[in-house]
Amino acid sequence: MAPRRPEPRGDQHRVNDRIRSREVRLIGPSGDQLGIKPVPEALRMARGLDLDLVEVAPQAKPPVCRIMDYGKFKYEEDQKAKEARKKSTNVQVKEVKYRPKIGKGDFDTKTRNVIRFIDDGHKVKVTLQFRGREMAHPELGAKILDDVIEAVGPAAKLDSRSRLEGRAMSMVLSPDKQAQEAIKKAAAAAEKEAAAEAEGETAESQGD
């Protein structure tokens, strides 16, 4: 008989001898449904595989338990929670600087950086820097900022409108998550449709 594992404490799952029900609906380690079993029998089955009996749905009648490696399960849950916290706290404000008389190649390169930062979930401060006589033509800077908004498209939303501060004009863009999700779905659908068309053409040519 496999040695008993120490009982985990301080978490939301009842494990092994901490399960209070008389019987449970049992799921095997591979996800197979094993039916309703008395808890002592379910425990014997789990220990026979050197695994744990874990209550995964306590509100069900009877509660649902799964045979699994609880230590591994808890570690994976902790890693997912850590990753979620990291994503929620790691949003930064990136800055990309333009000039009023910027060339097309330089504009495209900088705008690609703006799009990449937006796709990564960051806010972007787009700054126009004026020098000397350029200050007499703020409309040139506004035109560049409008071009950036158009190039980035619906994946971003405007957080703050362009404003002139000293010798710089700036605006802040942030990711529009709903729009990004819609764009991804549309791209996936288009890709699926193209693949289906290609498959149909192949079948048609083989039929000829």
N, C-alpha and C. Protein backbone atom coordinates (compact mmCIF):
# COMPACT_ATOMS: atom_id res chain seq x y z
N MET A 1 0.85 -1.20 0.00
CA MET A 1 0.00 0.00 0.00
C MET A 1 0.89 1.25 0.00
N ALA A 2 0.47 2.25 -0.85
CA ALA A 2 1.30 3.46 -0.99
C ALA A 2 1.28 4.27 0.30
N PRO A 3 2.39 4.93 0.66
CA PRO A 3 2.42 5.74 1.87
C PRO A 3 1.47 6.92 1.76
N ARG A 4 0.83 7.27 2.87
CA ARG A 4 -0.10 8.39 2.86
C ARG A 4 0.64 9.70 2.72
N ARG A 5 0.05 10.58 1.92
CA ARG A 5 0.67 11.89 1.74
C ARG A 5 0.22 12.84 2.85
N PRO A 6 1.06 13.82 3.19
CA PRO A 6 0.62 14.82 4.18
C PRO A 6 -0.54 15.62 3.59
N GLU A 7 -1.51 15.94 4.43
CA GLU A 7 -2.69 16.66 3.96
C GLU A 7 -2.37 18.13 3.72
N PRO A 8 -2.72 18.66 2.53
CA PRO A 8 -2.52 20.09 2.30
C PRO A 8 -3.46 20.89 3.19
N ARG A 9 -3.01 22.07 3.62
CA ARG A 9 -3.83 22.93 4.48
C ARG A 9 -3.95 24.31 3.84
N GLY A 10 -4.96 25.06 4.31
CA GLY A 10 -5.08 26.46 3.92
C GLY A 10 -5.44 26.67 2.46
N ASP A 11 -6.25 25.79 1.85
CA ASP A 11 -6.70 26.01 0.49
C ASP A 11 -8.17 25.71 0.39
N GLN A 12 -8.74 25.90 -0.81
CA GLN A 12 -10.19 25.77 -0.95
C GLN A 12 -10.66 24.36 -1.27
N HIS A 13 -9.76 23.44 -1.50
CA HIS A 13 -10.15 22.07 -1.87
C HIS A 13 -10.04 21.12 -0.67
N ARG A 14 -11.07 20.28 -0.50
CA ARG A 14 -10.95 19.20 0.49
C ARG A 14 -10.24 18.04 -0.20
N VAL A 15 -9.29 17.45 0.52
CA VAL A 15 -8.46 16.40 -0.07
C VAL A 15 -8.41 15.19 0.85
N ASN A 16 -8.48 14.00 0.26
CA ASN A 16 -8.33 12.73 1.00
C ASN A 16 -9.24 12.66 2.23
N ASP A 17 -8.68 12.45 3.42
CA ASP A 17 -9.48 12.25 4.63
C ASP A 17 -10.28 13.48 5.06
N ARG A 18 -10.05 14.62 4.43
CA ARG A 18 -10.80 15.83 4.78
C ARG A 18 -12.16 15.89 4.07
N ILE A 19 -12.39 14.99 3.13
CA ILE A 19 -13.66 14.95 2.42
C ILE A 19 -14.74 14.40 3.35
N ARG A 20 -15.84 15.14 3.52
CA ARG A 20 -16.82 14.81 4.56
C ARG A 20 -18.00 13.98 4.05
N SER A 21 -18.21 13.93 2.75
CA SER A 21 -19.38 13.22 2.22
C SER A 21 -19.23 11.71 2.40
N ARG A 22 -20.36 11.02 2.41
CA ARG A 22 -20.33 9.55 2.49
C ARG A 22 -19.99 8.94 1.13
N GLU A 23 -20.50 9.60 0.06
CA GLU A 23 -20.21 9.10 -1.29
C GLU A 23 -19.98 10.28 -2.22
N VAL A 24 -19.29 10.00 -3.33
CA VAL A 24 -18.94 11.05 -4.29
C VAL A 24 -19.11 10.53 -5.71
N ARG A 25 -19.27 11.48 -6.62
CA ARG A 25 -19.22 11.10 -8.04
C ARG A 25 -17.75 11.17 -8.44
N LEU A 26 -17.19 10.07 -8.87
CA LEU A 26 -15.73 9.96 -9.04
C LEU A 26 -15.30 10.09 -10.49
N ILE A 27 -14.25 10.89 -10.67
CA ILE A 27 -13.60 11.03 -11.98
C ILE A 27 -12.19 10.49 -11.86
N GLY A 28 -11.80 9.65 -12.81
CA GLY A 28 -10.47 9.05 -12.78
C GLY A 28 -9.38 10.02 -13.20
N PRO A 29 -8.12 9.63 -13.07
CA PRO A 29 -7.00 10.52 -13.39
C PRO A 29 -6.96 10.93 -14.86
N SER A 30 -7.58 10.15 -15.74
CA SER A 30 -7.59 10.49 -17.17
C SER A 30 -8.88 11.19 -17.57
N GLY A 31 -9.73 11.54 -16.59
CA GLY A 31 -10.96 12.24 -16.89
C GLY A 31 -12.14 11.32 -17.13
N ASP A 32 -11.95 10.01 -16.94
CA ASP A 32 -13.04 9.06 -17.17
C ASP A 32 -14.00 9.04 -15.99
N GLN A 33 -15.30 8.93 -16.29
CA GLN A 33 -16.35 8.91 -15.26
C GLN A 33 -16.41 7.51 -14.63
N LEU A 34 -16.23 7.44 -13.33
CA LEU A 34 -16.21 6.13 -12.64
C LEU A 34 -17.48 5.89 -11.83
N GLY A 35 -18.45 6.84 -11.93
CA GLY A 35 -19.71 6.65 -11.24
C GLY A 35 -19.67 7.09 -9.79
N ILE A 36 -20.75 6.78 -9.05
CA ILE A 36 -20.86 7.17 -7.64
C ILE A 36 -20.22 6.08 -6.77
N LYS A 37 -19.30 6.52 -5.91
CA LYS A 37 -18.56 5.57 -5.06
C LYS A 37 -18.59 6.04 -3.60
N PRO A 38 -18.61 5.10 -2.65
CA PRO A 38 -18.42 5.49 -1.25
C PRO A 38 -17.02 6.09 -1.09
N VAL A 39 -16.90 7.08 -0.22
CA VAL A 39 -15.61 7.75 -0.05
C VAL A 39 -14.47 6.79 0.31
N PRO A 40 -14.67 5.80 1.23
CA PRO A 40 -13.56 4.88 1.55
C PRO A 40 -13.05 4.13 0.30
N GLU A 41 -13.99 3.73 -0.57
CA GLU A 41 -13.58 3.02 -1.78
C GLU A 41 -12.82 3.96 -2.72
N ALA A 42 -13.32 5.21 -2.85
CA ALA A 42 -12.65 6.19 -3.72
C ALA A 42 -11.24 6.49 -3.20
N LEU A 43 -11.11 6.57 -1.88
CA LEU A 43 -9.79 6.81 -1.27
C LEU A 43 -8.84 5.65 -1.56
N ARG A 44 -9.36 4.42 -1.44
CA ARG A 44 -8.51 3.24 -1.71
C ARG A 44 -8.03 3.26 -3.16
N MET A 45 -8.92 3.62 -4.07
CA MET A 45 -8.55 3.67 -5.48
C MET A 45 -7.45 4.71 -5.72
N ALA A 46 -7.61 5.88 -5.09
CA ALA A 46 -6.62 6.95 -5.27
C ALA A 46 -5.27 6.54 -4.70
N ARG A 47 -5.28 5.99 -3.49
CA ARG A 47 -4.02 5.60 -2.84
C ARG A 47 -3.36 4.43 -3.57
N GLY A 48 -4.20 3.58 -4.18
CA GLY A 48 -3.64 2.46 -4.94
C GLY A 48 -2.84 2.94 -6.14
N LEU A 49 -3.17 4.16 -6.62
CA LEU A 49 -2.44 4.75 -7.75
C LEU A 49 -1.38 5.75 -7.27
N ASP A 50 -1.21 5.83 -5.93
CA ASP A 50 -0.29 6.80 -5.32
C ASP A 50 -0.68 8.23 -5.70
N LEU A 51 -2.00 8.48 -5.71
CA LEU A 51 -2.52 9.81 -6.04
C LEU A 51 -3.46 10.27 -4.93
N ASP A 52 -4.05 11.44 -5.11
CA ASP A 52 -4.94 12.02 -4.10
C ASP A 52 -6.38 12.02 -4.59
N LEU A 53 -7.30 12.04 -3.64
CA LEU A 53 -8.72 12.21 -3.94
C LEU A 53 -9.04 13.68 -3.63
N VAL A 54 -9.44 14.43 -4.66
CA VAL A 54 -9.65 15.87 -4.51
C VAL A 54 -11.09 16.23 -4.84
N GLU A 55 -11.74 16.96 -3.93
CA GLU A 55 -13.11 17.41 -4.15
C GLU A 55 -13.08 18.64 -5.06
N VAL A 56 -13.60 18.50 -6.28
CA VAL A 56 -13.52 19.60 -7.26
C VAL A 56 -14.84 20.34 -7.42
N ALA A 57 -15.96 19.72 -7.02
CA ALA A 57 -17.27 20.39 -7.11
C ALA A 57 -18.08 20.07 -5.86
N PRO A 58 -17.79 20.77 -4.75
CA PRO A 58 -18.43 20.45 -3.47
C PRO A 58 -19.93 20.71 -3.45
N GLN A 59 -20.43 21.59 -4.34
CA GLN A 59 -21.86 21.94 -4.32
C GLN A 59 -22.73 20.89 -5.01
N ALA A 60 -22.10 20.02 -5.82
CA ALA A 60 -22.88 19.01 -6.54
C ALA A 60 -23.45 17.98 -5.56
N LYS A 61 -24.47 17.28 -5.98
CA LYS A 61 -25.08 16.24 -5.13
C LYS A 61 -25.08 14.92 -5.89
N PRO A 62 -24.23 13.95 -5.52
CA PRO A 62 -23.18 14.07 -4.50
C PRO A 62 -22.00 14.90 -5.04
N PRO A 63 -21.11 15.35 -4.15
CA PRO A 63 -19.95 16.13 -4.59
C PRO A 63 -19.12 15.36 -5.61
N VAL A 64 -18.47 16.12 -6.50
CA VAL A 64 -17.61 15.50 -7.51
C VAL A 64 -16.17 15.50 -7.02
N CYS A 65 -15.54 14.34 -7.08
CA CYS A 65 -14.13 14.21 -6.68
C CYS A 65 -13.33 13.65 -7.86
N ARG A 66 -12.07 14.05 -7.92
CA ARG A 66 -11.20 13.55 -8.98
C ARG A 66 -9.94 12.96 -8.38
N ILE A 67 -9.49 11.87 -8.96
CA ILE A 67 -8.21 11.27 -8.56
C ILE A 67 -7.11 11.99 -9.33
N MET A 68 -6.17 12.59 -8.61
CA MET A 68 -5.11 13.36 -9.28
C MET A 68 -3.91 13.52 -8.36
N ASP A 69 -2.84 14.05 -8.95
CA ASP A 69 -1.66 14.43 -8.16
C ASP A 69 -1.94 15.84 -7.65
N TYR A 70 -2.35 15.93 -6.38
CA TYR A 70 -2.79 17.24 -5.87
C TYR A 70 -1.65 18.26 -5.84
N GLY A 71 -0.45 17.80 -5.52
CA GLY A 71 0.69 18.72 -5.46
C GLY A 71 0.93 19.38 -6.82
N LYS A 72 0.87 18.57 -7.87
CA LYS A 72 1.08 19.09 -9.23
C LYS A 72 -0.07 20.04 -9.61
N PHE A 73 -1.30 19.64 -9.27
CA PHE A 73 -2.48 20.45 -9.57
C PHE A 73 -2.38 21.82 -8.90
N LYS A 74 -1.99 21.81 -7.61
CA LYS A 74 -1.89 23.08 -6.85
C LYS A 74 -0.79 23.96 -7.42
N TYR A 75 0.32 23.34 -7.81
CA TYR A 75 1.44 24.10 -8.39
C TYR A 75 0.99 24.79 -9.67
N GLU A 76 0.28 24.05 -10.54
CA GLU A 76 -0.19 24.62 -11.81
C GLU A 76 -1.19 25.75 -11.57
N GLU A 77 -2.07 25.57 -10.57
CA GLU A 77 -3.03 26.63 -10.23
C GLU A 77 -2.31 27.89 -9.76
N ASP A 78 -1.28 27.69 -8.92
CA ASP A 78 -0.51 28.83 -8.40
C ASP A 78 0.21 29.56 -9.53
N GLN A 79 0.75 28.79 -10.50
CA GLN A 79 1.45 29.40 -11.62
C GLN A 79 0.50 30.21 -12.48
N LYS A 80 -0.71 29.68 -12.69
CA LYS A 80 -1.72 30.41 -13.49
C LYS A 80 -2.11 31.72 -12.79
N ALA A 81 -2.30 31.64 -11.47
CA ALA A 81 -2.67 32.84 -10.71
C ALA A 81 -1.55 33.88 -10.75
N LYS A 82 -0.31 33.39 -10.66
CA LYS A 82 0.86 34.29 -10.69
C LYS A 82 0.94 34.99 -12.05
N GLU A 83 0.70 34.21 -13.13
CA GLU A 83 0.75 34.76 -14.49
C GLU A 83 -0.35 35.80 -14.69
N ALA A 84 -1.54 35.51 -14.14
CA ALA A 84 -2.66 36.45 -14.26
C ALA A 84 -2.35 37.76 -13.54
N ARG A 85 -1.74 37.63 -12.34
CA ARG A 85 -1.36 38.84 -11.57
C ARG A 85 -0.30 39.63 -12.32
N LYS A 86 0.63 38.92 -12.93
CA LYS A 86 1.72 39.57 -13.68
C LYS A 86 1.15 40.37 -14.84
N LYS A 87 0.19 39.76 -15.56
CA LYS A 87 -0.41 40.43 -16.71
C LYS A 87 -1.19 41.66 -16.28
N SER A 88 -1.87 41.56 -15.14
CA SER A 88 -2.71 42.68 -14.70
C SER A 88 -1.89 43.84 -14.15
N THR A 89 -0.67 43.56 -13.66
CA THR A 89 0.13 44.64 -13.05
C THR A 89 1.27 45.11 -13.94
N ASN A 90 1.47 44.45 -15.10
CA ASN A 90 2.64 44.75 -15.92
C ASN A 90 2.33 45.69 -17.08
N VAL A 91 1.18 46.40 -17.02
CA VAL A 91 0.84 47.34 -18.09
C VAL A 91 1.69 48.58 -17.92
N GLN A 92 2.39 48.96 -18.98
CA GLN A 92 3.27 50.12 -18.93
C GLN A 92 2.82 51.16 -19.95
N VAL A 93 3.30 52.39 -19.76
CA VAL A 93 3.06 53.43 -20.76
C VAL A 93 4.35 53.58 -21.56
N LYS A 94 4.29 53.18 -22.83
CA LYS A 94 5.44 53.30 -23.72
C LYS A 94 5.34 54.63 -24.46
N GLU A 95 6.48 55.17 -24.84
CA GLU A 95 6.46 56.43 -25.59
C GLU A 95 7.14 56.25 -26.93
N VAL A 96 6.50 56.76 -27.99
CA VAL A 96 7.08 56.75 -29.33
C VAL A 96 7.09 58.19 -29.83
N LYS A 97 8.27 58.67 -30.24
CA LYS A 97 8.42 60.08 -30.63
C LYS A 97 8.50 60.23 -32.15
N TYR A 98 7.77 61.22 -32.67
CA TYR A 98 7.75 61.55 -34.10
C TYR A 98 8.23 62.99 -34.30
N ARG A 99 8.56 63.32 -35.55
CA ARG A 99 8.86 64.71 -35.94
C ARG A 99 7.84 65.16 -36.97
N PRO A 100 7.50 66.45 -37.02
CA PRO A 100 6.50 66.94 -37.97
C PRO A 100 6.86 66.64 -39.43
N LYS A 101 8.13 66.65 -39.77
CA LYS A 101 8.55 66.41 -41.16
C LYS A 101 9.15 65.01 -41.33
N ILE A 102 8.62 64.04 -40.62
CA ILE A 102 9.14 62.67 -40.64
C ILE A 102 8.94 62.04 -42.02
N GLY A 103 9.92 61.25 -42.47
CA GLY A 103 9.80 60.56 -43.75
C GLY A 103 8.89 59.34 -43.64
N LYS A 104 8.41 58.85 -44.78
CA LYS A 104 7.46 57.73 -44.76
C LYS A 104 8.06 56.48 -44.13
N GLY A 105 9.30 56.14 -44.46
CA GLY A 105 9.94 54.94 -43.92
C GLY A 105 10.05 54.99 -42.41
N ASP A 106 10.47 56.17 -41.90
CA ASP A 106 10.62 56.35 -40.46
C ASP A 106 9.25 56.32 -39.77
N PHE A 107 8.25 56.92 -40.42
CA PHE A 107 6.89 56.92 -39.87
C PHE A 107 6.37 55.48 -39.76
N ASP A 108 6.57 54.69 -40.81
CA ASP A 108 6.09 53.30 -40.81
C ASP A 108 6.76 52.48 -39.71
N THR A 109 8.08 52.67 -39.53
CA THR A 109 8.82 51.93 -38.51
C THR A 109 8.30 52.26 -37.11
N LYS A 110 8.16 53.56 -36.84
CA LYS A 110 7.69 53.98 -35.51
C LYS A 110 6.25 53.52 -35.26
N THR A 111 5.43 53.58 -36.32
CA THR A 111 4.02 53.18 -36.15
C THR A 111 3.91 51.68 -35.91
N ARG A 112 4.79 50.90 -36.53
CA ARG A 112 4.81 49.45 -36.25
C ARG A 112 5.11 49.21 -34.78
N ASN A 113 5.99 50.02 -34.21
CA ASN A 113 6.30 49.91 -32.77
C ASN A 113 5.07 50.24 -31.93
N VAL A 114 4.32 51.27 -32.31
CA VAL A 114 3.10 51.63 -31.60
C VAL A 114 2.12 50.45 -31.61
N ILE A 115 1.93 49.85 -32.80
CA ILE A 115 1.01 48.72 -32.94
C ILE A 115 1.47 47.54 -32.10
N ARG A 116 2.78 47.28 -32.09
CA ARG A 116 3.32 46.15 -31.31
C ARG A 116 3.06 46.37 -29.81
N PHE A 117 3.30 47.59 -29.33
CA PHE A 117 3.06 47.89 -27.91
C PHE A 117 1.58 47.72 -27.56
N ILE A 118 0.69 48.21 -28.44
CA ILE A 118 -0.75 48.07 -28.22
C ILE A 118 -1.14 46.60 -28.17
N ASP A 119 -0.61 45.81 -29.12
CA ASP A 119 -0.92 44.37 -29.16
C ASP A 119 -0.43 43.66 -27.90
N ASP A 120 0.66 44.17 -27.30
CA ASP A 120 1.20 43.57 -26.07
C ASP A 120 0.45 44.03 -24.82
N GLY A 121 -0.57 44.89 -25.01
CA GLY A 121 -1.39 45.32 -23.88
C GLY A 121 -0.95 46.59 -23.19
N HIS A 122 0.03 47.32 -23.78
CA HIS A 122 0.53 48.54 -23.15
C HIS A 122 -0.18 49.79 -23.68
N LYS A 123 -0.20 50.83 -22.87
CA LYS A 123 -0.63 52.14 -23.35
C LYS A 123 0.55 52.77 -24.08
N VAL A 124 0.26 53.66 -25.04
CA VAL A 124 1.33 54.31 -25.80
C VAL A 124 1.11 55.81 -25.82
N LYS A 125 2.14 56.54 -25.40
CA LYS A 125 2.12 58.00 -25.52
C LYS A 125 2.84 58.36 -26.82
N VAL A 126 2.11 58.96 -27.74
CA VAL A 126 2.69 59.36 -29.03
C VAL A 126 3.02 60.85 -28.94
N THR A 127 4.28 61.18 -29.12
CA THR A 127 4.75 62.55 -28.93
C THR A 127 5.32 63.13 -30.21
N LEU A 128 4.90 64.36 -30.55
CA LEU A 128 5.45 65.12 -31.68
C LEU A 128 6.37 66.19 -31.13
N GLN A 129 7.63 66.20 -31.53
CA GLN A 129 8.57 67.20 -31.04
C GLN A 129 8.82 68.25 -32.12
N PHE A 130 8.62 69.51 -31.76
CA PHE A 130 8.83 70.62 -32.69
C PHE A 130 10.18 71.28 -32.43
N ARG A 131 10.78 71.76 -33.51
CA ARG A 131 12.04 72.50 -33.38
C ARG A 131 11.93 73.82 -34.14
N GLY A 132 12.47 74.87 -33.56
CA GLY A 132 12.56 76.16 -34.24
C GLY A 132 11.26 76.62 -34.87
N ARG A 133 11.33 76.87 -36.21
CA ARG A 133 10.19 77.43 -36.93
C ARG A 133 9.02 76.45 -37.07
N GLU A 134 9.25 75.17 -36.77
CA GLU A 134 8.16 74.19 -36.84
C GLU A 134 7.03 74.54 -35.88
N MET A 135 7.34 75.30 -34.84
CA MET A 135 6.34 75.69 -33.85
C MET A 135 5.23 76.54 -34.48
N ALA A 136 5.52 77.16 -35.62
CA ALA A 136 4.52 78.00 -36.28
C ALA A 136 3.48 77.17 -37.03
N HIS A 137 3.70 75.85 -37.13
CA HIS A 137 2.78 74.99 -37.88
C HIS A 137 2.35 73.77 -37.06
N PRO A 138 1.61 74.01 -35.98
CA PRO A 138 1.16 72.87 -35.16
C PRO A 138 0.22 71.93 -35.92
N GLU A 139 -0.41 72.46 -36.99
CA GLU A 139 -1.31 71.60 -37.77
C GLU A 139 -0.58 70.43 -38.41
N LEU A 140 0.74 70.59 -38.67
CA LEU A 140 1.53 69.48 -39.23
C LEU A 140 1.63 68.34 -38.22
N GLY A 141 1.84 68.72 -36.95
CA GLY A 141 1.91 67.72 -35.88
C GLY A 141 0.58 67.00 -35.71
N ALA A 142 -0.52 67.78 -35.75
CA ALA A 142 -1.85 67.18 -35.60
C ALA A 142 -2.13 66.19 -36.73
N LYS A 143 -1.64 66.54 -37.93
CA LYS A 143 -1.84 65.65 -39.09
C LYS A 143 -1.10 64.32 -38.88
N ILE A 144 0.13 64.38 -38.34
CA ILE A 144 0.90 63.16 -38.07
C ILE A 144 0.16 62.28 -37.05
N LEU A 145 -0.35 62.90 -36.00
CA LEU A 145 -1.07 62.14 -34.97
C LEU A 145 -2.33 61.49 -35.55
N ASP A 146 -3.03 62.22 -36.41
CA ASP A 146 -4.21 61.63 -37.07
C ASP A 146 -3.81 60.44 -37.94
N ASP A 147 -2.66 60.56 -38.61
CA ASP A 147 -2.17 59.45 -39.46
C ASP A 147 -1.83 58.22 -38.61
N VAL A 148 -1.29 58.46 -37.41
CA VAL A 148 -0.96 57.34 -36.50
C VAL A 148 -2.25 56.63 -36.09
N ILE A 149 -3.26 57.42 -35.69
CA ILE A 149 -4.55 56.83 -35.28
C ILE A 149 -5.13 55.99 -36.40
N GLU A 150 -5.08 56.52 -37.64
CA GLU A 150 -5.62 55.80 -38.79
C GLU A 150 -4.85 54.51 -39.05
N ALA A 151 -3.51 54.58 -38.92
CA ALA A 151 -2.66 53.40 -39.18
C ALA A 151 -2.87 52.31 -38.12
N VAL A 152 -3.04 52.72 -36.88
CA VAL A 152 -3.24 51.74 -35.79
C VAL A 152 -4.60 51.06 -35.92
N GLY A 153 -5.60 51.83 -36.36
CA GLY A 153 -6.93 51.25 -36.59
C GLY A 153 -7.71 51.01 -35.31
N PRO A 154 -8.71 50.12 -35.36
CA PRO A 154 -9.63 49.93 -34.22
C PRO A 154 -9.04 49.18 -33.04
N ALA A 155 -7.80 48.65 -33.17
CA ALA A 155 -7.21 47.89 -32.06
C ALA A 155 -6.90 48.79 -30.86
N ALA A 156 -6.88 50.12 -31.08
CA ALA A 156 -6.58 51.05 -29.98
C ALA A 156 -7.66 52.11 -29.88
N LYS A 157 -7.80 52.66 -28.67
CA LYS A 157 -8.72 53.78 -28.47
C LYS A 157 -7.94 54.96 -27.92
N LEU A 158 -8.48 56.15 -28.17
CA LEU A 158 -7.80 57.37 -27.77
C LEU A 158 -8.13 57.70 -26.32
N ASP A 159 -7.12 57.66 -25.45
CA ASP A 159 -7.32 57.96 -24.03
C ASP A 159 -7.35 59.47 -23.79
N SER A 160 -6.39 60.17 -24.40
CA SER A 160 -6.36 61.63 -24.24
C SER A 160 -6.06 62.27 -25.59
N ARG A 161 -6.80 63.32 -25.90
CA ARG A 161 -6.66 64.00 -27.18
C ARG A 161 -5.31 64.69 -27.27
N SER A 162 -4.89 64.97 -28.51
CA SER A 162 -3.60 65.63 -28.70
C SER A 162 -3.64 67.04 -28.11
N ARG A 163 -2.57 67.40 -27.43
CA ARG A 163 -2.48 68.74 -26.86
C ARG A 163 -1.03 69.23 -26.95
N LEU A 164 -0.90 70.53 -27.08
CA LEU A 164 0.43 71.14 -27.23
C LEU A 164 0.94 71.56 -25.86
N GLU A 165 2.12 71.04 -25.49
CA GLU A 165 2.75 71.41 -24.22
C GLU A 165 4.17 71.85 -24.54
N GLY A 166 4.43 73.15 -24.44
CA GLY A 166 5.76 73.64 -24.77
C GLY A 166 6.08 73.41 -26.24
N ARG A 167 7.13 72.63 -26.51
CA ARG A 167 7.52 72.32 -27.88
C ARG A 167 7.10 70.91 -28.30
N ALA A 168 6.14 70.34 -27.60
CA ALA A 168 5.71 68.98 -27.92
C ALA A 168 4.18 68.88 -27.93
N MET A 169 3.70 68.04 -28.82
CA MET A 169 2.27 67.72 -28.88
C MET A 169 2.16 66.23 -28.66
N SER A 170 1.20 65.80 -27.82
CA SER A 170 1.13 64.37 -27.53
C SER A 170 -0.31 63.89 -27.38
N MET A 171 -0.47 62.57 -27.48
CA MET A 171 -1.76 61.92 -27.21
C MET A 171 -1.44 60.55 -26.63
N VAL A 172 -2.42 59.93 -25.96
CA VAL A 172 -2.23 58.61 -25.37
C VAL A 172 -3.23 57.64 -25.96
N LEU A 173 -2.73 56.50 -26.46
CA LEU A 173 -3.56 55.43 -26.98
C LEU A 173 -3.51 54.25 -26.02
N SER A 174 -4.63 53.54 -25.89
CA SER A 174 -4.64 52.32 -25.07
C SER A 174 -5.33 51.20 -25.85
N PRO A 175 -5.02 49.94 -25.50
CA PRO A 175 -5.61 48.81 -26.24
C PRO A 175 -7.12 48.77 -26.07
N ASP A 176 -7.83 48.51 -27.16
CA ASP A 176 -9.27 48.26 -27.10
C ASP A 176 -9.45 46.75 -27.17
N LYS A 177 -9.58 46.12 -26.00
CA LYS A 177 -9.55 44.65 -25.94
C LYS A 177 -10.70 44.00 -26.71
N GLN A 178 -11.88 44.61 -26.65
CA GLN A 178 -13.03 44.05 -27.37
C GLN A 178 -12.79 44.08 -28.88
N ALA A 179 -12.26 45.22 -29.35
CA ALA A 179 -11.97 45.35 -30.78
C ALA A 179 -10.87 44.38 -31.20
N GLN A 180 -9.84 44.21 -30.35
CA GLN A 180 -8.75 43.29 -30.68
C GLN A 180 -9.28 41.86 -30.79
N GLU A 181 -10.19 41.50 -29.87
CA GLU A 181 -10.76 40.14 -29.90
C GLU A 181 -11.58 39.94 -31.16
N ALA A 182 -12.34 40.98 -31.54
CA ALA A 182 -13.16 40.90 -32.76
C ALA A 182 -12.29 40.76 -34.00
N ILE A 183 -11.16 41.49 -34.01
CA ILE A 183 -10.22 41.41 -35.14
C ILE A 183 -9.64 40.01 -35.26
N LYS A 184 -9.26 39.44 -34.10
CA LYS A 184 -8.69 38.08 -34.11
C LYS A 184 -9.70 37.05 -34.63
N LYS A 185 -10.96 37.20 -34.16
CA LYS A 185 -12.00 36.26 -34.60
C LYS A 185 -12.25 36.38 -36.09
N ALA A 186 -12.27 37.63 -36.59
CA ALA A 186 -12.51 37.85 -38.02
C ALA A 186 -11.36 37.28 -38.85
N ALA A 187 -10.13 37.44 -38.36
CA ALA A 187 -8.96 36.91 -39.07
C ALA A 187 -8.99 35.39 -39.09
N ALA A 188 -9.37 34.78 -37.94
CA ALA A 188 -9.44 33.32 -37.86
C ALA A 188 -10.52 32.79 -38.79
N ALA A 189 -11.67 33.50 -38.87
CA ALA A 189 -12.77 33.08 -39.75
C ALA A 189 -12.36 33.17 -41.21
N ALA A 190 -11.64 34.27 -41.54
CA ALA A 190 -11.19 34.46 -42.93
C ALA A 190 -10.18 33.37 -43.31
N GLU A 191 -9.30 33.04 -42.36
CA GLU A 191 -8.30 32.00 -42.62
C GLU A 191 -8.97 30.64 -42.82
N LYS A 192 -9.99 30.38 -42.00
CA LYS A 192 -10.73 29.11 -42.11
C LYS A 192 -11.45 29.03 -43.45
N GLU A 193 -12.05 30.16 -43.86
CA GLU A 193 -12.78 30.21 -45.12
C GLU A 193 -11.84 30.01 -46.30
N ALA A 194 -10.65 30.64 -46.23
CA ALA A 194 -9.66 30.50 -47.31
C ALA A 194 -9.18 29.06 -47.41
N ALA A 195 -8.98 28.42 -46.23
CA ALA A 195 -8.53 27.02 -46.23
C ALA A 195 -9.60 26.11 -46.83
N ALA A 196 -10.88 26.39 -46.51
CA ALA A 196 -11.97 25.59 -47.04
C ALA A 196 -12.08 25.75 -48.55
N GLU A 197 -11.88 26.99 -49.04
CA GLU A 197 -11.93 27.24 -50.48
C GLU A 197 -10.80 26.52 -51.20
N ALA A 198 -9.60 26.57 -50.60
CA ALA A 198 -8.44 25.90 -51.20
C ALA A 198 -8.65 24.40 -51.25
N GLU A 199 -9.25 23.87 -50.19
CA GLU A 199 -9.53 22.43 -50.13
C GLU A 199 -10.56 22.05 -51.19
N GLY A 200 -11.56 22.92 -51.37
CA GLY A 200 -12.59 22.67 -52.39
C GLY A 200 -12.02 22.69 -53.79
N GLU A 201 -11.11 23.66 -54.05
CA GLU A 201 -10.47 23.76 -55.37
C GLU A 201 -9.61 22.53 -55.65
N THR A 202 -8.92 22.03 -54.60
CA THR A 202 -8.07 20.85 -54.75
C THR A 202 -8.92 19.63 -55.10
N ALA A 203 -10.04 19.48 -54.38
CA ALA A 203 -10.95 18.35 -54.63
C ALA A 203 -11.54 18.43 -56.02
N GLU A 204 -11.84 19.66 -56.47
CA GLU A 204 -12.43 19.88 -57.79
C GLU A 204 -11.45 19.49 -58.89
N SER A 205 -10.16 19.93 -58.70
CA SER A 205 -9.14 19.61 -59.70
C SER A 205 -8.85 18.12 -59.77
N GLN A 206 -8.93 17.45 -58.61
CA GLN A 206 -8.71 16.00 -58.60
C GLN A 206 -9.88 15.27 -59.27
N GLY A 207 -11.10 15.85 -59.17
CA GLY A 207 -12.27 15.24 -59.79
C GLY A 207 -12.22 15.34 -61.29
N ASP A 208 -11.55 16.44 -61.80
CA ASP A 208 -11.40 16.58 -63.24
C ASP A 208 -10.39 15.57 -63.72
